[in-house]
Amino acid sequence: MSTPAPSVPNAKRLEGKVGIITGGARGIGEAAVRLFLSHGAKVVIADILDNLGEALCHELGEDVSYIHCDVTNEDDVCKTVDFTVEKYGKLDIMYNNAGIVDSLMPEILNTEKAKFERVLGVNLVGALLGAKHAARVMIPAGKGCILFTASVASEIGGFSSYAYSCSKTAIVGLMKSATAELGRFGIRVNCVSPYGVATHIADGLLPVEAVHFEGLLSKVGNLQGVVLKAEDIAQAAVYLASDDAKYVSGQNLLVDGGYTIVNPSLAMGFSSFLGQA
C-alpha cells in the first residue's frame, strides 16, 4: 500500500476552485477574496457596495469578478449563482458572509421590530438563499462546499444585540440542517464563528475609532498577545473550503481564542476581593 505524498507547505489550497463570497467588497469578505485568490481560486464578489467591489476587481485582476447582489433578494442571489456558473463553468464554494448589525448593546426594550427584521433578513434569510441556490448547482455536480460566517454570539449571550445574536445562532441551525440533507450529495457545510473583529460592519455605532475598538476587543479577549484580524477569519474559511477539510462538515469553527469557554467573573471577583482584604 503506497503512502500518500505529504502536503506541500504554503501550497495553493484552492487551486482550480470557483467561489462566491457575499459581502466580499470589504471587511472579512474582502480578506477572504484576497486569500482565496492567492490560493488559486477564481472568485465572484457579491455585494451591494458597487464602487468598492468593482475597485477590488480592478486591483486584483482577471480571476475576480463583481456582481451586484442584495442577498435578501432571491432573484439577485439566483442571478449571482447563474453568472458564476456561466462565467467559470462551475461553483465549488459558496461563502455566505454578508451581514449587518443594528446595535452593539443587548437591550430588549430598545429593540425595534423593523431593525430586528432587517438584520434577520440580511444575515439569516440571505444565508438561506445563498445555500439554496448554491445547492441547486452543487447537487447535480455531486460535490461542493457551503460556508457561513456566524459569530461567537451563536454560542454565548450578551455579546451583541438581540437581532444579531438570533441571526447568528439561527445560521448555525441552518448549517446543521443543510449538513444533514446535503451530505448525501457530497456537499460539505460549515460555519466560521469569529470573536469580535474591528470591521466596517459597526460603522456609526462606535464612539471610538476602529483601532481603539480593536484594542478593547483584544484586551478583554481570552488569548493575549494576539490581535484577531479579518485575515484570520479568512484563513479559517480557506481551510474549510479546501480539500484539507474534505471530511469536515457540520462544524461551527470558533475563531475566538477560547473566549466562549471561559467565564472570568469568578476569577475577577476573587481578585477584587483579595485586593480589598
C-alpha atoms as a PDB file:
ATOM      1  CA  MET A   1       0.000   0.000   0.000  1.00  0.00           C
ATOM      2  CA  SER A   2       1.505   3.291  -1.097  1.00  0.00           C
ATOM      3  CA  THR A   3       1.902   6.156   1.322  1.00  0.00           C
ATOM      4  CA  PRO A   4       0.240   9.394   0.218  1.00  0.00           C
ATOM      5  CA  ALA A   5       2.598  12.235  -0.530  1.00  0.00           C
ATOM      6  CA  PRO A   6       2.753  14.833   2.224  1.00  0.00           C
ATOM      7  CA  SER A   7       1.077  18.153   1.562  1.00  0.00           C
ATOM      8  CA  VAL A   8       3.333  20.918   0.338  1.00  0.00           C
ATOM      9  CA  PRO A   9       3.730  23.779   2.830  1.00  0.00           C
ATOM     10  CA  ASN A  10       2.146  27.008   1.593  1.00  0.00           C
ATOM     11  CA  ALA A  11       0.674  25.222  -1.429  1.00  0.00           C
ATOM     12  CA  LYS A  12      -2.313  26.797  -3.162  1.00  0.00           C
ATOM     13  CA  ARG A  13      -5.093  25.090  -1.251  1.00  0.00           C
ATOM     14  CA  LEU A  14      -7.928  26.232  -3.553  1.00  0.00           C
ATOM     15  CA  GLU A  15      -6.230  25.692  -6.905  1.00  0.00           C
ATOM     16  CA  GLY A  16      -8.818  25.236  -9.660  1.00  0.00           C
ATOM     17  CA  LYS A  17     -11.810  26.021  -7.452  1.00  0.00           C
ATOM     18  CA  VAL A  18     -14.502  28.638  -8.083  1.00  0.00           C
ATOM     19  CA  GLY A  19     -16.143  30.503  -5.232  1.00  0.00           C
ATOM     20  CA  ILE A  20     -18.713  33.174  -4.472  1.00  0.00           C
ATOM     21  CA  ILE A  21     -18.182  35.421  -1.458  1.00  0.00           C
ATOM     22  CA  THR A  22     -21.148  37.535  -0.388  1.00  0.00           C
ATOM     23  CA  GLY A  23     -20.307  40.764   1.360  1.00  0.00           C
ATOM     24  CA  GLY A  24     -16.946  40.463  -0.364  1.00  0.00           C
ATOM     25  CA  ALA A  25     -16.278  44.142  -1.016  1.00  0.00           C
ATOM     26  CA  ARG A  26     -14.812  44.901   2.424  1.00  0.00           C
ATOM     27  CA  GLY A  27     -14.128  43.535   5.892  1.00  0.00           C
ATOM     28  CA  ILE A  28     -13.932  39.778   6.385  1.00  0.00           C
ATOM     29  CA  GLY A  29     -15.323  39.290   2.890  1.00  0.00           C
ATOM     30  CA  GLU A  30     -12.575  41.337   1.269  1.00  0.00           C
ATOM     31  CA  ALA A  31      -9.921  39.460   3.271  1.00  0.00           C
ATOM     32  CA  ALA A  32     -11.437  36.193   2.074  1.00  0.00           C
ATOM     33  CA  VAL A  33     -11.477  37.360  -1.544  1.00  0.00           C
ATOM     34  CA  ARG A  34      -7.787  38.213  -1.398  1.00  0.00           C
ATOM     35  CA  LEU A  35      -6.826  34.980   0.331  1.00  0.00           C
ATOM     36  CA  PHE A  36      -8.991  32.729  -1.864  1.00  0.00           C
ATOM     37  CA  LEU A  37      -7.383  34.324  -4.901  1.00  0.00           C
ATOM     38  CA  SER A  38      -3.862  33.846  -3.524  1.00  0.00           C
ATOM     39  CA  HIS A  39      -4.681  30.169  -3.019  1.00  0.00           C
ATOM     40  CA  GLY A  40      -5.578  29.721  -6.677  1.00  0.00           C
ATOM     41  CA  ALA A  41      -9.355  30.164  -6.695  1.00  0.00           C
ATOM     42  CA  LYS A  42     -11.434  32.180  -9.100  1.00  0.00           C
ATOM     43  CA  VAL A  43     -13.748  34.419  -7.089  1.00  0.00           C
ATOM     44  CA  VAL A  44     -17.024  36.243  -7.634  1.00  0.00           C
ATOM     45  CA  ILE A  45     -17.602  39.135  -5.232  1.00  0.00           C
ATOM     46  CA  ALA A  46     -21.314  39.541  -4.481  1.00  0.00           C
ATOM     47  CA  ASP A  47     -22.183  42.781  -2.703  1.00  0.00           C
ATOM     48  CA  ILE A  48     -24.247  45.956  -2.850  1.00  0.00           C
ATOM     49  CA  LEU A  49     -21.185  48.207  -2.479  1.00  0.00           C
ATOM     50  CA  ASP A  50     -20.611  48.555  -6.208  1.00  0.00           C
ATOM     51  CA  ASN A  51     -17.767  51.076  -6.126  1.00  0.00           C
ATOM     52  CA  LEU A  52     -15.751  49.073  -3.613  1.00  0.00           C
ATOM     53  CA  GLY A  53     -16.440  45.763  -5.319  1.00  0.00           C
ATOM     54  CA  GLU A  54     -15.516  46.999  -8.769  1.00  0.00           C
ATOM     55  CA  ALA A  55     -12.379  48.718  -7.464  1.00  0.00           C
ATOM     56  CA  LEU A  56     -11.303  45.484  -5.781  1.00  0.00           C
ATOM     57  CA  CYS A  57     -11.774  43.581  -9.036  1.00  0.00           C
ATOM     58  CA  HIS A  58      -9.740  46.177 -10.907  1.00  0.00           C
ATOM     59  CA  GLU A  59      -6.955  45.828  -8.344  1.00  0.00           C
ATOM     60  CA  LEU A  60      -6.880  42.028  -8.187  1.00  0.00           C
ATOM     61  CA  GLY A  61      -7.137  41.134 -11.867  1.00  0.00           C
ATOM     62  CA  GLU A  62      -8.949  38.824 -14.225  1.00  0.00           C
ATOM     63  CA  ASP A  63      -9.631  35.942 -11.823  1.00  0.00           C
ATOM     64  CA  VAL A  64     -12.007  38.098  -9.753  1.00  0.00           C
ATOM     65  CA  SER A  65     -15.436  39.298 -10.876  1.00  0.00           C
ATOM     66  CA  TYR A  66     -18.027  41.531  -9.263  1.00  0.00           C
ATOM     67  CA  ILE A  67     -21.805  41.328  -9.371  1.00  0.00           C
ATOM     68  CA  HIS A  68     -24.346  43.481  -7.572  1.00  0.00           C
ATOM     69  CA  CYS A  69     -26.234  41.240  -5.180  1.00  0.00           C
ATOM     70  CA  ASP A  70     -28.663  42.107  -2.425  1.00  0.00           C
ATOM     71  CA  VAL A  71     -28.738  38.813  -0.521  1.00  0.00           C
ATOM     72  CA  THR A  72     -32.298  39.482   0.670  1.00  0.00           C
ATOM     73  CA  ASN A  73     -33.443  39.467  -2.962  1.00  0.00           C
ATOM     74  CA  GLU A  74     -33.769  35.903  -4.244  1.00  0.00           C
ATOM     75  CA  ASP A  75     -33.560  36.992  -7.875  1.00  0.00           C
ATOM     76  CA  ASP A  76     -30.205  38.654  -7.160  1.00  0.00           C
ATOM     77  CA  VAL A  77     -28.863  35.527  -5.438  1.00  0.00           C
ATOM     78  CA  CYS A  78     -30.117  33.281  -8.230  1.00  0.00           C
ATOM     79  CA  LYS A  79     -28.515  35.533 -10.865  1.00  0.00           C
ATOM     80  CA  THR A  80     -25.230  35.565  -8.928  1.00  0.00           C
ATOM     81  CA  VAL A  81     -25.011  31.772  -8.932  1.00  0.00           C
ATOM     82  CA  ASP A  82     -26.018  31.580 -12.594  1.00  0.00           C
ATOM     83  CA  PHE A  83     -23.481  34.268 -13.537  1.00  0.00           C
ATOM     84  CA  THR A  84     -20.726  32.340 -11.775  1.00  0.00           C
ATOM     85  CA  VAL A  85     -21.543  29.036 -13.473  1.00  0.00           C
ATOM     86  CA  GLU A  86     -21.854  30.698 -16.871  1.00  0.00           C
ATOM     87  CA  LYS A  87     -18.533  32.533 -16.487  1.00  0.00           C
ATOM     88  CA  TYR A  88     -16.429  29.825 -14.849  1.00  0.00           C
ATOM     89  CA  GLY A  89     -18.302  26.625 -15.641  1.00  0.00           C
ATOM     90  CA  LYS A  90     -18.990  25.537 -12.053  1.00  0.00           C
ATOM     91  CA  LEU A  91     -19.377  26.556  -8.418  1.00  0.00           C
ATOM     92  CA  ASP A  92     -17.241  24.843  -5.786  1.00  0.00           C
ATOM     93  CA  ILE A  93     -17.535  27.212  -2.810  1.00  0.00           C
ATOM     94  CA  MET A  94     -20.409  29.369  -1.623  1.00  0.00           C
ATOM     95  CA  TYR A  95     -19.257  31.584   1.242  1.00  0.00           C
ATOM     96  CA  ASN A  96     -22.309  33.301   2.763  1.00  0.00           C
ATOM     97  CA  ASN A  97     -20.558  36.104   4.587  1.00  0.00           C
ATOM     98  CA  ALA A  98     -22.760  39.186   4.104  1.00  0.00           C
ATOM     99  CA  GLY A  99     -24.032  40.583   7.366  1.00  0.00           C
ATOM    100  CA  ILE A 100     -25.156  43.667   9.246  1.00  0.00           C
ATOM    101  CA  VAL A 101     -25.695  44.678  12.880  1.00  0.00           C
ATOM    102  CA  ASP A 102     -28.303  47.010  14.339  1.00  0.00           C
ATOM    103  CA  SER A 103     -26.631  47.958  17.622  1.00  0.00           C
ATOM    104  CA  LEU A 104     -23.846  46.791  19.893  1.00  0.00           C
ATOM    105  CA  MET A 105     -25.667  46.517  23.217  1.00  0.00           C
ATOM    106  CA  PRO A 106     -28.318  43.898  24.066  1.00  0.00           C
ATOM    107  CA  GLU A 107     -31.269  45.981  25.296  1.00  0.00           C
ATOM    108  CA  ILE A 108     -34.611  44.336  24.654  1.00  0.00           C
ATOM    109  CA  LEU A 109     -36.634  47.455  25.497  1.00  0.00           C
ATOM    110  CA  ASN A 110     -34.792  49.371  22.770  1.00  0.00           C
ATOM    111  CA  THR A 111     -35.055  46.605  20.159  1.00  0.00           C
ATOM    112  CA  GLU A 112     -37.035  47.883  17.187  1.00  0.00           C
ATOM    113  CA  LYS A 113     -39.103  45.378  15.217  1.00  0.00           C
ATOM    114  CA  ALA A 114     -38.168  46.814  11.827  1.00  0.00           C
ATOM    115  CA  LYS A 115     -34.435  46.769  12.591  1.00  0.00           C
ATOM    116  CA  PHE A 116     -34.703  43.265  14.046  1.00  0.00           C
ATOM    117  CA  GLU A 117     -36.369  42.015  10.873  1.00  0.00           C
ATOM    118  CA  ARG A 118     -33.831  43.788   8.664  1.00  0.00           C
ATOM    119  CA  VAL A 119     -30.886  42.115  10.439  1.00  0.00           C
ATOM    120  CA  LEU A 120     -32.544  38.707  10.151  1.00  0.00           C
ATOM    121  CA  GLY A 121     -33.309  39.426   6.505  1.00  0.00           C
ATOM    122  CA  VAL A 122     -29.685  40.066   5.590  1.00  0.00           C
ATOM    123  CA  ASN A 123     -27.891  37.725   7.972  1.00  0.00           C
ATOM    124  CA  LEU A 124     -30.225  34.734   8.044  1.00  0.00           C
ATOM    125  CA  VAL A 125     -32.532  34.877   5.030  1.00  0.00           C
ATOM    126  CA  GLY A 126     -29.596  35.934   2.862  1.00  0.00           C
ATOM    127  CA  ALA A 127     -27.617  32.941   4.106  1.00  0.00           C
ATOM    128  CA  LEU A 128     -30.541  30.613   3.403  1.00  0.00           C
ATOM    129  CA  LEU A 129     -30.920  31.926  -0.146  1.00  0.00           C
ATOM    130  CA  GLY A 130     -27.198  31.588  -0.792  1.00  0.00           C
ATOM    131  CA  ALA A 131     -27.209  27.991   0.421  1.00  0.00           C
ATOM    132  CA  LYS A 132     -30.369  27.199  -1.541  1.00  0.00           C
ATOM    133  CA  HIS A 133     -29.082  28.398  -4.891  1.00  0.00           C
ATOM    134  CA  ALA A 134     -25.604  27.009  -4.340  1.00  0.00           C
ATOM    135  CA  ALA A 135     -27.168  23.612  -3.633  1.00  0.00           C
ATOM    136  CA  ARG A 136     -29.168  23.952  -6.846  1.00  0.00           C
ATOM    137  CA  VAL A 137     -25.974  23.653  -8.886  1.00  0.00           C
ATOM    138  CA  MET A 138     -23.868  21.633  -6.446  1.00  0.00           C
ATOM    139  CA  ILE A 139     -26.318  18.730  -6.127  1.00  0.00           C
ATOM    140  CA  PRO A 140     -26.078  17.769  -9.828  1.00  0.00           C
ATOM    141  CA  ALA A 141     -22.276  18.116  -9.601  1.00  0.00           C
ATOM    142  CA  GLY A 142     -22.167  15.773  -6.612  1.00  0.00           C
ATOM    143  CA  LYS A 143     -19.795  17.992  -4.649  1.00  0.00           C
ATOM    144  CA  GLY A 144     -19.336  21.444  -3.166  1.00  0.00           C
ATOM    145  CA  CYS A 145     -18.692  23.475  -0.041  1.00  0.00           C
ATOM    146  CA  ILE A 146     -21.120  25.904   1.604  1.00  0.00           C
ATOM    147  CA  LEU A 147     -19.770  28.216   4.307  1.00  0.00           C
ATOM    148  CA  PHE A 148     -21.393  30.738   6.618  1.00  0.00           C
ATOM    149  CA  THR A 149     -19.938  33.493   8.770  1.00  0.00           C
ATOM    150  CA  ALA A 150     -21.618  33.062  12.136  1.00  0.00           C
ATOM    151  CA  SER A 151     -20.264  34.512  15.397  1.00  0.00           C
ATOM    152  CA  VAL A 152     -19.333  33.737  18.969  1.00  0.00           C
ATOM    153  CA  ALA A 153     -22.788  35.207  19.593  1.00  0.00           C
ATOM    154  CA  SER A 154     -24.075  31.841  18.364  1.00  0.00           C
ATOM    155  CA  GLU A 155     -22.553  30.253  21.472  1.00  0.00           C
ATOM    156  CA  ILE A 156     -22.944  32.824  24.260  1.00  0.00           C
ATOM    157  CA  GLY A 157     -25.395  35.517  25.266  1.00  0.00           C
ATOM    158  CA  GLY A 158     -24.736  39.167  25.957  1.00  0.00           C
ATOM    159  CA  PHE A 159     -22.142  39.559  23.225  1.00  0.00           C
ATOM    160  CA  SER A 160     -24.276  41.584  20.825  1.00  0.00           C
ATOM    161  CA  SER A 161     -27.791  42.802  20.055  1.00  0.00           C
ATOM    162  CA  TYR A 162     -30.827  40.538  20.112  1.00  0.00           C
ATOM    163  CA  ALA A 163     -31.168  40.689  16.345  1.00  0.00           C
ATOM    164  CA  TYR A 164     -27.531  39.855  15.660  1.00  0.00           C
ATOM    165  CA  SER A 165     -27.400  37.054  18.257  1.00  0.00           C
ATOM    166  CA  CYS A 166     -30.619  35.499  16.992  1.00  0.00           C
ATOM    167  CA  SER A 167     -29.494  35.666  13.369  1.00  0.00           C
ATOM    168  CA  LYS A 168     -26.098  34.120  14.039  1.00  0.00           C
ATOM    169  CA  THR A 169     -27.495  31.389  16.291  1.00  0.00           C
ATOM    170  CA  ALA A 170     -30.047  30.552  13.613  1.00  0.00           C
ATOM    171  CA  ILE A 171     -27.295  30.367  10.986  1.00  0.00           C
ATOM    172  CA  VAL A 172     -25.729  27.521  12.967  1.00  0.00           C
ATOM    173  CA  GLY A 173     -29.106  25.766  12.916  1.00  0.00           C
ATOM    174  CA  LEU A 174     -29.315  26.371   9.175  1.00  0.00           C
ATOM    175  CA  MET A 175     -25.839  24.899   8.761  1.00  0.00           C
ATOM    176  CA  LYS A 176     -26.781  21.778  10.714  1.00  0.00           C
ATOM    177  CA  SER A 177     -29.946  21.228   8.681  1.00  0.00           C
ATOM    178  CA  ALA A 178     -28.103  21.715   5.401  1.00  0.00           C
ATOM    179  CA  THR A 179     -25.326  19.387   6.542  1.00  0.00           C
ATOM    180  CA  ALA A 180     -27.856  16.647   7.279  1.00  0.00           C
ATOM    181  CA  GLU A 181     -29.602  16.988   3.921  1.00  0.00           C
ATOM    182  CA  LEU A 182     -26.742  17.706   1.549  1.00  0.00           C
ATOM    183  CA  GLY A 183     -24.119  15.263   2.791  1.00  0.00           C
ATOM    184  CA  ARG A 184     -25.508  12.501   0.609  1.00  0.00           C
ATOM    185  CA  PHE A 185     -24.761  14.695  -2.406  1.00  0.00           C
ATOM    186  CA  GLY A 186     -21.117  15.170  -1.415  1.00  0.00           C
ATOM    187  CA  ILE A 187     -21.686  18.737  -0.233  1.00  0.00           C
ATOM    188  CA  ARG A 188     -19.973  19.912   2.948  1.00  0.00           C
ATOM    189  CA  VAL A 189     -21.493  22.688   5.075  1.00  0.00           C
ATOM    190  CA  ASN A 190     -19.714  24.577   7.878  1.00  0.00           C
ATOM    191  CA  CYS A 191     -19.616  27.851   9.824  1.00  0.00           C
ATOM    192  CA  VAL A 192     -16.791  30.133  10.852  1.00  0.00           C
ATOM    193  CA  SER A 193     -17.570  31.996  14.084  1.00  0.00           C
ATOM    194  CA  PRO A 194     -15.288  34.933  14.873  1.00  0.00           C
ATOM    195  CA  TYR A 195     -14.716  36.687  18.147  1.00  0.00           C
ATOM    196  CA  GLY A 196     -15.010  40.447  17.674  1.00  0.00           C
ATOM    197  CA  VAL A 197     -13.209  41.796  14.608  1.00  0.00           C
ATOM    198  CA  ALA A 198     -12.959  45.529  14.001  1.00  0.00           C
ATOM    199  CA  THR A 199     -14.534  45.984  10.551  1.00  0.00           C
ATOM    200  CA  HIS A 200     -16.887  48.447   8.859  1.00  0.00           C
ATOM    201  CA  ILE A 201     -19.947  46.437   9.976  1.00  0.00           C
ATOM    202  CA  ALA A 202     -20.183  48.639  13.074  1.00  0.00           C
ATOM    203  CA  ASP A 203     -19.696  51.971  11.295  1.00  0.00           C
ATOM    204  CA  GLY A 204     -21.768  54.643  13.017  1.00  0.00           C
ATOM    205  CA  LEU A 205     -22.334  52.510  16.110  1.00  0.00           C
ATOM    206  CA  LEU A 206     -18.996  53.037  17.827  1.00  0.00           C
ATOM    207  CA  PRO A 207     -17.972  56.116  19.803  1.00  0.00           C
ATOM    208  CA  VAL A 208     -14.295  55.304  19.136  1.00  0.00           C
ATOM    209  CA  GLU A 209     -12.130  54.687  16.096  1.00  0.00           C
ATOM    210  CA  ALA A 210     -11.806  51.127  14.809  1.00  0.00           C
ATOM    211  CA  VAL A 211      -8.211  50.868  16.007  1.00  0.00           C
ATOM    212  CA  HIS A 212      -9.274  51.698  19.567  1.00  0.00           C
ATOM    213  CA  PHE A 213     -12.172  49.256  19.360  1.00  0.00           C
ATOM    214  CA  GLU A 214      -9.746  46.575  18.177  1.00  0.00           C
ATOM    215  CA  GLY A 215      -7.542  47.288  21.178  1.00  0.00           C
ATOM    216  CA  LEU A 216     -10.503  46.973  23.516  1.00  0.00           C
ATOM    217  CA  LEU A 217     -11.547  43.659  21.970  1.00  0.00           C
ATOM    218  CA  SER A 218      -8.026  42.320  22.388  1.00  0.00           C
ATOM    219  CA  LYS A 219      -7.814  43.499  25.984  1.00  0.00           C
ATOM    220  CA  VAL A 220     -10.999  41.734  27.060  1.00  0.00           C
ATOM    221  CA  GLY A 221     -10.357  38.620  24.974  1.00  0.00           C
ATOM    222  CA  ASN A 222      -9.063  35.392  26.461  1.00  0.00           C
ATOM    223  CA  LEU A 223      -5.972  34.815  24.308  1.00  0.00           C
ATOM    224  CA  GLN A 224      -3.490  37.603  24.945  1.00  0.00           C
ATOM    225  CA  GLY A 225      -0.568  38.666  22.774  1.00  0.00           C
ATOM    226  CA  VAL A 226      -2.547  38.148  19.558  1.00  0.00           C
ATOM    227  CA  VAL A 227      -4.869  40.601  17.794  1.00  0.00           C
ATOM    228  CA  LEU A 228      -7.665  38.974  15.797  1.00  0.00           C
ATOM    229  CA  LYS A 229      -7.840  40.310  12.240  1.00  0.00           C
ATOM    230  CA  ALA A 230     -10.214  39.748   9.341  1.00  0.00           C
ATOM    231  CA  GLU A 231      -7.420  37.805   7.647  1.00  0.00           C
ATOM    232  CA  ASP A 232      -7.526  35.228  10.460  1.00  0.00           C
ATOM    233  CA  ILE A 233     -11.181  34.502   9.726  1.00  0.00           C
ATOM    234  CA  ALA A 234     -10.344  34.245   6.034  1.00  0.00           C
ATOM    235  CA  GLN A 235      -7.636  31.691   6.861  1.00  0.00           C
ATOM    236  CA  ALA A 236     -10.217  29.550   8.659  1.00  0.00           C
ATOM    237  CA  ALA A 237     -12.557  29.834   5.659  1.00  0.00           C
ATOM    238  CA  VAL A 238      -9.772  28.743   3.295  1.00  0.00           C
ATOM    239  CA  TYR A 239      -9.150  25.670   5.414  1.00  0.00           C
ATOM    240  CA  LEU A 240     -12.832  24.702   5.478  1.00  0.00           C
ATOM    241  CA  ALA A 241     -13.171  25.306   1.739  1.00  0.00           C
ATOM    242  CA  SER A 242     -10.073  23.295   0.873  1.00  0.00           C
ATOM    243  CA  ASP A 243      -9.559  19.581   0.370  1.00  0.00           C
ATOM    244  CA  ASP A 244      -7.628  19.597   3.653  1.00  0.00           C
ATOM    245  CA  ALA A 245     -11.097  19.616   5.238  1.00  0.00           C
ATOM    246  CA  LYS A 246     -12.613  17.065   2.841  1.00  0.00           C
ATOM    247  CA  TYR A 247     -14.313  15.151   5.692  1.00  0.00           C
ATOM    248  CA  VAL A 248     -15.190  18.159   7.834  1.00  0.00           C
ATOM    249  CA  SER A 249     -18.887  19.009   7.742  1.00  0.00           C
ATOM    250  CA  GLY A 250     -21.458  20.254  10.223  1.00  0.00           C
ATOM    251  CA  GLN A 251     -18.910  22.217  12.255  1.00  0.00           C
ATOM    252  CA  ASN A 252     -19.097  25.660  13.814  1.00  0.00           C
ATOM    253  CA  LEU A 253     -15.412  26.606  13.857  1.00  0.00           C
ATOM    254  CA  LEU A 254     -14.915  29.139  16.631  1.00  0.00           C
ATOM    255  CA  VAL A 255     -12.038  31.522  15.950  1.00  0.00           C
ATOM    256  CA  ASP A 256     -12.188  33.141  19.350  1.00  0.00           C
ATOM    257  CA  GLY A 257      -9.016  32.369  21.273  1.00  0.00           C
ATOM    258  CA  GLY A 258     -11.037  30.316  23.745  1.00  0.00           C
ATOM    259  CA  TYR A 259     -13.337  33.225  24.639  1.00  0.00           C
ATOM    260  CA  THR A 260     -16.567  31.214  24.602  1.00  0.00           C
ATOM    261  CA  ILE A 261     -15.372  28.533  27.023  1.00  0.00           C
ATOM    262  CA  VAL A 262     -14.079  30.906  29.694  1.00  0.00           C
ATOM    263  CA  ASN A 263     -16.167  32.721  32.294  1.00  0.00           C
ATOM    264  CA  PRO A 264     -13.773  35.143  34.016  1.00  0.00           C
ATOM    265  CA  SER A 265     -16.283  36.520  36.528  1.00  0.00           C
ATOM    266  CA  LEU A 266     -15.254  34.257  39.436  1.00  0.00           C
ATOM    267  CA  ALA A 267     -11.539  34.961  38.985  1.00  0.00           C
ATOM    268  CA  MET A 268     -12.185  38.692  38.614  1.00  0.00           C
ATOM    269  CA  GLY A 269     -14.402  38.759  41.671  1.00  0.00           C
ATOM    270  CA  PHE A 270     -11.905  36.767  43.707  1.00  0.00           C
ATOM    271  CA  SER A 271      -9.064  39.077  42.677  1.00  0.00           C
ATOM    272  CA  SER A 272     -11.158  42.101  43.608  1.00  0.00           C
ATOM    273  CA  PHE A 273     -11.975  40.546  46.993  1.00  0.00           C
ATOM    274  CA  LEU A 274      -8.324  39.826  47.705  1.00  0.00           C
ATOM    275  CA  GLY A 275      -7.387  43.347  46.687  1.00  0.00           C
ATOM    276  CA  GLN A 276      -9.843  44.772  49.209  1.00  0.00           C
ATOM    277  CA  ALA A 277      -8.897  42.389  52.030  1.00  0.00           C
END
